[in-house]
Amino acid sequence: MNITHSSQRGALACLSLCVLLSSLGTSIANVALPELARAFGVSFQQVQWVVLAYLLAVTSLVVGVGRLGDLIGKRRLLLAGILLFSLASLAAGLASFRGLLAARALQGLGAAAMLALAMAFVADVAPKAQTGRAMGWLGSMSAVGTALGPSLGGALIAAWGWPAIFLFNAPLGAAVFLLARRSLPADAPTARASRFDFAGALLLALTLSAYALAMTLGRGRFGPQNLAWLLAAAIGVAAFLRVEARGAAPLVRIDMLRDPVLGGPLIAAALVATVMMGTLVVGPFHLSRALGLDAMGAGLAMSMGPAISMLAGVPAGRLADRFGAKRVSLAGLAAMLAGAALLAALPASLGVAGYLAPLAALTVGYALFQAANNTLVMAGQPADRRGLVSGLLNLARNLGLVTGAAALGAVFAAAAGGPIADARPEAVAWATRAVFAVSALLMAAAIFALRRGRRARLASARAA
């Protein structure tokens, strides 16, 4: 598809802003939870649904929305997603508590369309030789949104109260909508929307919601409620696979998931997200309890990771364009493995520098992997499947984040031998090393999955 240089820049700016808004939707709300609990007079268990409603909607709907974009047109559905996100943001700032939860779920649906279709659009608006840097730029904007959310949210709440964190998105979303209408290329003729697998999409959404609830409810304690949701998710997986195997036009063809060329990068993406969430879970406790930093010092140290991700995204994409996405993906995983292994081995006596230096290597590896792996997966996809595959990539990342918070958080608590708030510094340091030892094993598994996919890709190329 031929587009002018100015249109190309406008389209990439639009896609970047879509990713930024989606990331802000999560991170900006976390800082408002105490204020929302006071304003509405609700408990922590109730107010956490302000975040969970958004995350559940994004996680459970991103694959279905991506596939629907393939069928009815990516541009059309992306515009609808931006508009829905903007209107839901406006409603969230004016609603009662129950209305706020409903608006956050609608915001999540809009964000799911923005995330899945922004990545799917890259091949339509960026030259093939620059796909890596475009993917890297999207990764940088995601990091900007994650890092900017808490500080921006705090400033907005201090100036105008909690409604401002939601109302802020409405005019910004309207501007992105207008930019998208002007800059995104028109949709090509697509298959009829009646072929969309509604039964499969519903089953997948319910299954993913059950899994996310199993991993997030209970405030870190895995009890009967979590087990019930996990059992429901397992039943949902079995039902989904059965429906997809028998469907004439399935949402996700089962052979796609069995194919190591696609399955390997998806598994690696989930494992990488699991490890990165582990760093966010462990970091504040290690810095404050084991290394003795105050809240400001710990916050500054924790900001290093998002800062590196912001700065390294585009250079990582350039490396993927120059040296090949396969090599750069593996190099990123190797750097993450080295960083995790050092964090597992180095003693706390080395101080803050002994923690941040390996963490920097791990974060640079993450930036390399993210840009290159997204390029590797999306570059070879036909136009009528990019939305679906982009949705699967985003799903793998979200599932990794949810699993990392629960599983690595459980490893941390078990290794500390008791409540973290009462644990001795030595126990916290030991628990941190245990988490990163598990993280190193996960990175080794990610390398194996990606190399297996690479061997399958080379065998397929030789056969062709």
Protein backbone atom coordinates (compact mmCIF):
# COMPACT_ATOMS: atom_id res chain seq x y z
CA MET A 1 0.00 0.00 0.00
CA ASN A 2 1.49 3.31 -1.09
CA ILE A 3 1.16 6.27 1.24
CA THR A 4 2.95 9.58 1.32
CA HIS A 5 5.78 10.30 3.73
CA SER A 6 3.72 12.86 5.66
CA SER A 7 0.79 10.45 5.90
CA GLN A 8 3.19 7.76 7.10
CA ARG A 9 4.44 9.95 9.92
CA GLY A 10 0.91 10.93 10.88
CA ALA A 11 -0.21 7.31 10.91
CA LEU A 12 2.72 6.21 13.07
CA ALA A 13 2.05 9.12 15.44
CA CYS A 14 -1.58 7.99 15.68
CA LEU A 15 -0.62 4.38 16.43
CA SER A 16 1.89 5.53 19.03
CA LEU A 17 -0.73 7.65 20.78
CA CYS A 18 -3.13 4.69 20.79
CA VAL A 19 -0.55 2.61 22.67
CA LEU A 20 0.23 5.52 25.00
CA LEU A 21 -3.43 6.04 25.91
CA SER A 22 -3.95 2.32 26.52
CA SER A 23 -0.93 2.14 28.86
CA LEU A 24 -2.01 5.28 30.70
CA GLY A 25 -5.42 3.71 31.22
CA THR A 26 -3.86 1.18 33.57
CA SER A 27 -1.09 3.06 35.32
CA ILE A 28 -2.91 6.35 35.92
CA ALA A 29 -5.75 4.65 37.84
CA ASN A 30 -3.56 2.80 40.35
CA VAL A 31 -2.46 5.99 42.07
CA ALA A 32 -6.09 7.10 42.50
CA LEU A 33 -7.31 4.03 44.43
CA PRO A 34 -6.93 5.53 47.95
CA GLU A 35 -8.70 8.73 46.88
CA LEU A 36 -11.50 6.74 45.17
CA ALA A 37 -11.99 4.59 48.29
CA ARG A 38 -12.41 7.75 50.39
CA ALA A 39 -14.63 9.52 47.85
CA PHE A 40 -17.08 6.63 47.45
CA GLY A 41 -16.73 5.13 50.94
CA VAL A 42 -15.82 1.65 49.66
CA SER A 43 -13.34 -0.99 50.81
CA PHE A 44 -10.04 -1.93 49.18
CA GLN A 45 -11.59 -5.12 47.80
CA GLN A 46 -14.24 -3.02 46.07
CA VAL A 47 -12.05 -0.19 44.81
CA GLN A 48 -9.49 -2.56 43.25
CA TRP A 49 -12.15 -3.35 40.65
CA VAL A 50 -11.48 0.08 39.14
CA VAL A 51 -8.20 -1.44 37.91
CA LEU A 52 -9.40 -5.03 37.50
CA ALA A 53 -12.39 -4.09 35.31
CA TYR A 54 -10.05 -2.44 32.81
CA LEU A 55 -7.46 -5.22 32.87
CA LEU A 56 -10.04 -7.99 32.55
CA ALA A 57 -11.66 -6.28 29.56
CA VAL A 58 -8.34 -5.78 27.77
CA THR A 59 -7.08 -9.30 28.48
CA SER A 60 -10.26 -11.17 27.64
CA LEU A 61 -11.26 -9.22 24.51
CA VAL A 62 -7.99 -8.35 22.75
CA VAL A 63 -7.88 -11.51 20.61
CA GLY A 64 -11.52 -11.31 19.55
CA VAL A 65 -11.25 -7.62 18.73
CA GLY A 66 -8.08 -8.23 16.71
CA ARG A 67 -9.79 -10.92 14.66
CA LEU A 68 -12.87 -8.78 14.13
CA GLY A 69 -10.58 -6.06 12.76
CA ASP A 70 -9.30 -8.54 10.17
CA LEU A 71 -12.86 -9.25 9.06
CA ILE A 72 -14.57 -5.84 9.02
CA GLY A 73 -11.53 -3.59 8.57
CA LYS A 74 -8.78 -2.48 10.91
CA ARG A 75 -9.27 1.24 10.33
CA ARG A 76 -13.00 1.09 10.96
CA LEU A 77 -12.65 -0.86 14.19
CA LEU A 78 -9.69 1.17 15.45
CA LEU A 79 -11.68 4.38 15.01
CA ALA A 80 -14.55 2.78 16.93
CA GLY A 81 -12.14 1.72 19.70
CA ILE A 82 -10.66 5.22 20.05
CA LEU A 83 -14.15 6.75 20.17
CA LEU A 84 -15.34 4.23 22.76
CA PHE A 85 -12.26 4.81 24.91
CA SER A 86 -12.79 8.59 24.81
CA LEU A 87 -16.51 8.46 25.62
CA ALA A 88 -15.96 5.92 28.40
CA SER A 89 -13.25 8.17 29.87
CA LEU A 90 -15.74 11.04 29.94
CA ALA A 91 -18.38 8.84 31.57
CA ALA A 92 -15.90 7.54 34.16
CA GLY A 93 -15.16 11.06 35.37
CA LEU A 94 -18.86 11.82 35.90
CA ALA A 95 -20.18 8.49 37.19
CA SER A 96 -21.22 6.92 40.48
CA PHE A 97 -19.05 4.04 41.72
CA ARG A 98 -21.00 1.35 39.84
CA GLY A 99 -21.07 3.56 36.78
CA LEU A 100 -17.32 4.05 37.11
CA LEU A 101 -16.76 0.29 37.04
CA ALA A 102 -18.93 -0.08 33.94
CA ALA A 103 -17.13 2.82 32.24
CA ARG A 104 -13.75 1.27 33.06
CA ALA A 105 -14.83 -2.01 31.43
CA LEU A 106 -15.87 -0.07 28.30
CA GLN A 107 -12.56 1.79 28.43
CA GLY A 108 -10.83 -1.61 28.45
CA LEU A 109 -12.79 -2.72 25.38
CA GLY A 110 -11.67 0.41 23.56
CA ALA A 111 -8.09 -0.12 24.72
CA ALA A 112 -8.17 -3.73 23.49
CA ALA A 113 -9.01 -2.48 19.98
CA MET A 114 -6.31 0.20 20.17
CA LEU A 115 -3.61 -2.24 21.32
CA ALA A 116 -4.40 -5.07 18.92
CA LEU A 117 -4.96 -2.95 15.83
CA ALA A 118 -2.14 -0.46 16.40
CA MET A 119 0.41 -3.26 16.08
CA ALA A 120 -1.50 -4.86 13.21
CA PHE A 121 -1.40 -1.55 11.30
CA VAL A 122 2.40 -1.22 11.37
CA ALA A 123 2.90 -3.32 8.24
CA ASP A 124 0.46 -1.06 6.38
CA VAL A 125 2.09 2.26 7.28
CA ALA A 126 5.82 1.55 7.76
CA PRO A 127 8.29 0.46 5.06
CA LYS A 128 9.32 -3.16 5.43
CA ALA A 129 12.94 -2.18 6.10
CA GLN A 130 11.81 0.02 9.02
CA THR A 131 9.30 -2.32 10.68
CA GLY A 132 11.62 -2.98 13.62
CA ARG A 133 12.07 0.67 14.53
CA ALA A 134 8.31 1.24 14.25
CA MET A 135 7.70 -1.67 16.65
CA GLY A 136 10.42 -0.30 18.91
CA TRP A 137 8.74 3.10 18.94
CA LEU A 138 5.43 1.53 19.96
CA GLY A 139 7.26 -0.26 22.78
CA SER A 140 8.79 3.02 23.92
CA MET A 141 5.38 4.68 23.99
CA SER A 142 4.01 1.82 26.08
CA ALA A 143 6.85 2.36 28.56
CA VAL A 144 6.18 6.12 28.57
CA GLY A 145 2.53 5.50 29.44
CA THR A 146 3.43 3.08 32.23
CA ALA A 147 6.05 5.41 33.70
CA LEU A 148 4.07 8.62 33.27
CA GLY A 149 0.81 7.36 34.74
CA PRO A 150 1.56 7.58 38.50
CA SER A 151 3.17 11.05 38.41
CA LEU A 152 0.62 12.48 35.97
CA GLY A 153 -2.25 10.96 37.94
CA GLY A 154 -0.92 12.36 41.20
CA ALA A 155 -0.62 15.85 39.72
CA LEU A 156 -4.14 15.76 38.24
CA ILE A 157 -5.67 14.54 41.50
CA ALA A 158 -3.85 17.23 43.49
CA ALA A 159 -5.07 19.95 41.14
CA TRP A 160 -8.65 18.93 40.25
CA GLY A 161 -9.54 15.74 42.15
CA TRP A 162 -9.94 12.14 41.03
CA PRO A 163 -12.34 12.81 38.08
CA ALA A 164 -9.50 14.59 36.28
CA ILE A 165 -7.54 11.36 35.68
CA PHE A 166 -10.40 10.08 33.53
CA LEU A 167 -11.62 13.35 32.00
CA PHE A 168 -8.03 14.03 30.87
CA ASN A 169 -8.28 11.17 28.37
CA ALA A 170 -11.43 12.44 26.66
CA PRO A 171 -10.02 15.43 24.71
CA LEU A 172 -6.77 13.57 24.07
CA GLY A 173 -8.74 10.64 22.68
CA ALA A 174 -10.78 13.00 20.49
CA ALA A 175 -7.57 14.44 19.02
CA VAL A 176 -6.25 10.92 18.31
CA PHE A 177 -9.58 10.05 16.65
CA LEU A 178 -9.29 13.02 14.28
CA LEU A 179 -5.65 12.19 13.52
CA ALA A 180 -6.60 8.58 12.77
CA ARG A 181 -9.37 9.61 10.40
CA ARG A 182 -6.97 11.81 8.48
CA SER A 183 -3.83 9.66 8.40
CA LEU A 184 -4.70 5.95 8.48
CA PRO A 185 -5.06 4.25 5.09
CA ALA A 186 -8.48 3.04 4.04
CA ASP A 187 -9.45 -0.56 4.67
CA ALA A 188 -9.01 -3.04 1.86
CA PRO A 189 -12.02 -5.19 0.89
CA THR A 190 -12.49 -7.82 3.60
CA ALA A 191 -14.40 -10.97 4.20
CA ARG A 192 -17.95 -10.71 5.51
CA ALA A 193 -18.28 -10.01 9.23
CA SER A 194 -20.81 -12.86 9.55
CA ARG A 195 -17.84 -15.27 9.54
CA PHE A 196 -16.74 -14.02 12.94
CA ASP A 197 -16.66 -16.83 15.51
CA PHE A 198 -18.86 -15.35 18.23
CA ALA A 199 -19.06 -18.60 20.22
CA GLY A 200 -15.28 -18.98 20.26
CA ALA A 201 -14.76 -15.31 21.16
CA LEU A 202 -17.22 -15.53 24.06
CA LEU A 203 -15.69 -18.75 25.38
CA LEU A 204 -12.19 -17.31 25.17
CA ALA A 205 -13.24 -14.11 26.94
CA LEU A 206 -14.91 -16.05 29.77
CA THR A 207 -11.94 -18.41 30.10
CA LEU A 208 -9.39 -15.61 30.23
CA SER A 209 -11.51 -13.67 32.73
CA ALA A 210 -11.69 -16.73 34.97
CA TYR A 211 -7.92 -17.19 34.81
CA ALA A 212 -7.23 -13.51 35.52
CA LEU A 213 -9.59 -13.61 38.51
CA ALA A 214 -7.90 -16.78 39.80
CA MET A 215 -4.53 -15.00 39.69
CA THR A 216 -5.60 -11.62 41.09
CA LEU A 217 -8.25 -12.17 43.76
CA GLY A 218 -7.36 -12.81 47.38
CA ARG A 219 -4.64 -10.17 47.78
CA GLY A 220 -1.81 -12.64 47.26
CA ARG A 221 -3.39 -15.62 49.06
CA PHE A 222 -4.48 -18.57 46.96
CA GLY A 223 -7.66 -19.87 48.56
CA PRO A 224 -10.80 -21.82 47.61
CA GLN A 225 -12.15 -18.91 45.56
CA ASN A 226 -8.97 -18.78 43.47
CA LEU A 227 -9.04 -22.56 43.00
CA ALA A 228 -12.66 -22.41 41.82
CA TRP A 229 -11.83 -19.74 39.23
CA LEU A 230 -8.78 -21.72 38.08
CA LEU A 231 -10.92 -24.83 37.65
CA ALA A 232 -13.43 -22.78 35.66
CA ALA A 233 -10.58 -21.55 33.44
CA ALA A 234 -9.38 -25.11 32.84
CA ILE A 235 -12.90 -26.19 31.83
CA GLY A 236 -13.10 -23.13 29.60
CA VAL A 237 -9.86 -24.05 27.83
CA ALA A 238 -11.16 -27.55 27.08
CA ALA A 239 -14.47 -26.19 25.79
CA PHE A 240 -12.72 -23.53 23.68
CA LEU A 241 -10.41 -26.07 22.03
CA ARG A 242 -13.36 -28.32 21.25
CA VAL A 243 -15.41 -25.51 19.70
CA GLU A 244 -12.46 -24.25 17.65
CA ALA A 245 -11.60 -27.73 16.37
CA ARG A 246 -15.15 -28.20 15.08
CA GLY A 247 -15.84 -24.66 13.82
CA ALA A 248 -16.01 -23.87 10.12
CA ALA A 249 -14.38 -20.45 10.64
CA PRO A 250 -12.69 -20.63 14.06
CA LEU A 251 -11.46 -17.59 15.92
CA VAL A 252 -8.06 -19.25 16.41
CA ARG A 253 -7.06 -22.24 14.33
CA ILE A 254 -5.57 -24.88 16.63
CA ASP A 255 -2.75 -25.59 14.17
CA MET A 256 -1.62 -21.96 14.62
CA LEU A 257 -0.95 -22.57 18.30
CA ARG A 258 0.82 -25.86 17.58
CA ASP A 259 3.09 -24.25 15.00
CA PRO A 260 6.42 -23.51 16.72
CA VAL A 261 7.08 -20.65 14.27
CA LEU A 262 4.26 -18.70 15.96
CA GLY A 263 3.94 -20.61 19.23
CA GLY A 264 7.60 -20.20 20.17
CA PRO A 265 7.60 -16.37 20.08
CA LEU A 266 4.23 -16.27 21.87
CA ILE A 267 5.52 -18.50 24.70
CA ALA A 268 8.69 -16.43 24.92
CA ALA A 269 6.62 -13.22 25.09
CA ALA A 270 4.54 -14.60 27.97
CA LEU A 271 7.63 -15.75 29.90
CA VAL A 272 9.37 -12.38 29.40
CA ALA A 273 6.30 -10.50 30.68
CA THR A 274 6.19 -12.82 33.69
CA VAL A 275 9.78 -11.96 34.59
CA MET A 276 9.31 -8.22 34.06
CA MET A 277 6.28 -8.20 36.35
CA GLY A 278 8.41 -10.07 38.89
CA THR A 279 10.88 -7.18 38.93
CA LEU A 280 8.03 -4.76 39.71
CA VAL A 281 6.72 -6.98 42.51
CA VAL A 282 10.10 -7.62 44.14
CA GLY A 283 11.83 -4.28 43.53
CA PRO A 284 10.07 -2.01 46.05
CA PHE A 285 10.45 -4.53 48.89
CA HIS A 286 14.09 -5.30 48.15
CA LEU A 287 15.07 -1.65 47.84
CA SER A 288 13.29 -0.60 51.03
CA ARG A 289 13.62 -3.65 53.28
CA ALA A 290 16.90 -5.24 52.18
CA LEU A 291 18.80 -2.13 51.07
CA GLY A 292 17.24 0.37 53.48
CA LEU A 293 16.16 3.07 51.00
CA ASP A 294 13.39 5.49 51.91
CA ALA A 295 10.27 5.86 49.76
CA MET A 296 11.78 8.58 47.56
CA GLY A 297 15.00 6.65 47.00
CA ALA A 298 13.15 3.45 46.19
CA GLY A 299 10.89 5.33 43.77
CA LEU A 300 13.85 6.88 41.97
CA ALA A 301 15.56 3.49 41.70
CA MET A 302 12.38 1.87 40.39
CA SER A 303 12.04 4.56 37.72
CA MET A 304 15.26 3.35 36.08
CA GLY A 305 13.54 0.41 34.39
CA PRO A 306 10.83 2.41 32.56
CA ALA A 307 13.43 5.05 31.66
CA ILE A 308 15.65 2.45 30.00
CA SER A 309 12.67 0.96 28.17
CA MET A 310 11.71 4.41 26.86
CA LEU A 311 15.21 5.16 25.60
CA ALA A 312 16.07 1.72 24.27
CA GLY A 313 12.91 0.97 22.26
CA VAL A 314 13.78 2.72 19.00
CA PRO A 315 17.50 1.71 19.01
CA ALA A 316 16.37 -1.87 19.63
CA GLY A 317 14.09 -1.66 16.60
CA ARG A 318 16.92 -0.28 14.46
CA LEU A 319 19.11 -3.23 15.49
CA ALA A 320 16.30 -5.62 14.54
CA ASP A 321 16.05 -3.99 11.10
CA ARG A 322 19.82 -4.13 10.58
CA PHE A 323 20.80 -7.53 12.01
CA GLY A 324 17.53 -9.44 11.75
CA ALA A 325 14.70 -9.88 14.21
CA LYS A 326 15.64 -13.50 15.01
CA ARG A 327 19.17 -12.68 16.16
CA VAL A 328 18.15 -9.62 18.14
CA SER A 329 15.32 -11.51 19.87
CA LEU A 330 17.74 -14.18 21.05
CA ALA A 331 20.30 -11.56 22.07
CA GLY A 332 17.65 -9.82 24.17
CA LEU A 333 16.71 -13.08 25.90
CA ALA A 334 20.39 -13.83 26.55
CA ALA A 335 20.82 -10.40 28.19
CA MET A 336 17.73 -11.01 30.32
CA LEU A 337 19.06 -14.42 31.35
CA ALA A 338 22.41 -12.89 32.32
CA GLY A 339 20.74 -10.08 34.29
CA ALA A 340 18.44 -12.47 36.17
CA ALA A 341 21.31 -14.87 36.93
CA LEU A 342 23.43 -12.02 38.33
CA LEU A 343 20.54 -10.79 40.47
CA ALA A 344 20.12 -14.32 41.81
CA ALA A 345 23.82 -14.68 42.59
CA LEU A 346 25.02 -11.26 43.79
CA PRO A 347 24.80 -10.56 47.54
CA ALA A 348 22.86 -7.63 48.97
CA SER A 349 26.12 -6.33 50.47
CA LEU A 350 26.95 -4.82 47.05
CA GLY A 351 24.26 -2.24 47.73
CA VAL A 352 22.04 -0.37 45.32
CA ALA A 353 24.58 -0.49 42.48
CA GLY A 354 24.82 -4.28 42.79
CA TYR A 355 21.06 -4.46 42.25
CA LEU A 356 20.56 -1.80 39.59
CA ALA A 357 23.43 -2.79 37.26
CA PRO A 358 22.10 -6.33 36.54
CA LEU A 359 18.57 -4.92 36.43
CA ALA A 360 19.72 -2.49 33.72
CA ALA A 361 21.06 -5.41 31.66
CA LEU A 362 17.78 -7.26 32.13
CA THR A 363 15.77 -4.21 31.05
CA VAL A 364 17.90 -3.54 27.96
CA GLY A 365 17.42 -7.19 27.03
CA TYR A 366 13.67 -6.73 27.43
CA ALA A 367 13.67 -3.74 25.06
CA LEU A 368 15.68 -5.70 22.48
CA PHE A 369 13.41 -8.72 22.73
CA GLN A 370 10.15 -6.77 22.64
CA ALA A 371 10.93 -4.81 19.48
CA ALA A 372 12.51 -7.75 17.65
CA ASN A 373 9.98 -10.41 18.69
CA ASN A 374 7.01 -8.26 17.68
CA THR A 375 8.71 -7.63 14.33
CA LEU A 376 9.50 -11.32 13.91
CA VAL A 377 5.91 -12.40 14.52
CA MET A 378 4.08 -9.69 12.61
CA ALA A 379 6.34 -9.38 9.56
CA GLY A 380 5.35 -12.69 8.00
CA GLN A 381 1.61 -12.52 8.64
CA PRO A 382 -0.90 -12.14 5.80
CA ALA A 383 -3.03 -9.00 5.89
CA ASP A 384 -6.20 -10.90 6.81
CA ARG A 385 -4.60 -12.35 9.97
CA ARG A 386 -2.56 -9.47 11.41
CA GLY A 387 -5.25 -8.32 13.81
CA LEU A 388 -5.64 -11.83 15.24
CA VAL A 389 -1.89 -12.39 15.65
CA SER A 390 -1.43 -8.96 17.18
CA GLY A 391 -4.20 -9.83 19.62
CA LEU A 392 -2.43 -13.09 20.50
CA LEU A 393 0.81 -11.20 21.14
CA ASN A 394 -0.92 -8.74 23.44
CA LEU A 395 -2.73 -11.61 25.14
CA ALA A 396 0.55 -13.45 25.77
CA ARG A 397 1.99 -10.31 27.35
CA ASN A 398 -1.05 -9.68 29.55
CA LEU A 399 -1.21 -13.29 30.72
CA GLY A 400 2.48 -13.10 31.56
CA LEU A 401 1.93 -9.95 33.61
CA VAL A 402 -0.97 -11.49 35.52
CA THR A 403 0.91 -14.74 36.11
CA GLY A 404 4.10 -12.96 37.14
CA ALA A 405 2.33 -10.91 39.79
CA ALA A 406 0.74 -14.02 41.29
CA ALA A 407 3.35 -16.74 40.80
CA LEU A 408 6.55 -14.79 41.42
CA GLY A 409 4.83 -12.91 44.23
CA ALA A 410 4.08 -16.29 45.83
CA VAL A 411 7.72 -17.39 45.38
CA PHE A 412 8.85 -14.16 47.05
CA ALA A 413 6.50 -14.58 50.02
CA ALA A 414 7.37 -18.26 50.49
CA ALA A 415 11.13 -17.65 50.34
CA ALA A 416 10.84 -14.79 52.87
CA GLY A 417 9.33 -17.26 55.34
CA GLY A 418 6.50 -15.02 56.55
CA PRO A 419 4.82 -11.63 56.12
CA ILE A 420 7.11 -9.35 54.10
CA ALA A 421 6.40 -6.36 56.36
CA ASP A 422 7.90 -8.25 59.32
CA ALA A 423 10.72 -10.06 57.48
CA ARG A 424 14.34 -9.33 58.32
CA PRO A 425 16.50 -7.68 55.62
CA GLU A 426 18.43 -10.93 55.14
CA ALA A 427 15.20 -12.84 54.53
CA VAL A 428 14.01 -10.27 51.96
CA ALA A 429 17.37 -10.39 50.18
CA TRP A 430 17.19 -14.19 50.06
CA ALA A 431 13.61 -14.05 48.72
CA THR A 432 14.74 -11.63 45.99
CA ARG A 433 17.49 -14.00 44.90
CA ALA A 434 14.97 -16.88 44.83
CA VAL A 435 12.64 -14.91 42.54
CA PHE A 436 15.44 -14.08 40.12
CA ALA A 437 16.70 -17.67 40.15
CA VAL A 438 13.25 -18.73 38.97
CA SER A 439 13.32 -15.85 36.47
CA ALA A 440 16.61 -17.13 35.04
CA LEU A 441 15.04 -20.55 34.52
CA LEU A 442 12.08 -18.93 32.77
CA MET A 443 14.45 -17.05 30.46
CA ALA A 444 16.24 -20.28 29.62
CA ALA A 445 12.86 -21.77 28.72
CA ALA A 446 12.07 -18.71 26.57
CA ILE A 447 15.35 -19.14 24.67
CA PHE A 448 14.51 -22.81 24.07
CA ALA A 449 11.01 -21.90 22.79
CA LEU A 450 12.35 -19.21 20.47
CA ARG A 451 15.17 -21.37 19.11
CA ARG A 452 12.67 -24.16 18.46
CA GLY A 453 10.52 -21.72 16.50
CA ARG A 454 13.60 -20.49 14.62
CA ARG A 455 14.58 -24.06 13.62
CA ALA A 456 11.02 -24.67 12.41
CA ARG A 457 11.10 -21.44 10.39
CA LEU A 458 14.41 -22.40 8.76
CA ALA A 459 13.12 -25.89 7.94
CA SER A 460 10.00 -24.38 6.38
CA ALA A 461 12.14 -21.98 4.31
CA ARG A 462 14.37 -24.81 3.06
CA ALA A 463 11.31 -26.88 2.12
CA ALA A 464 9.85 -23.92 0.21
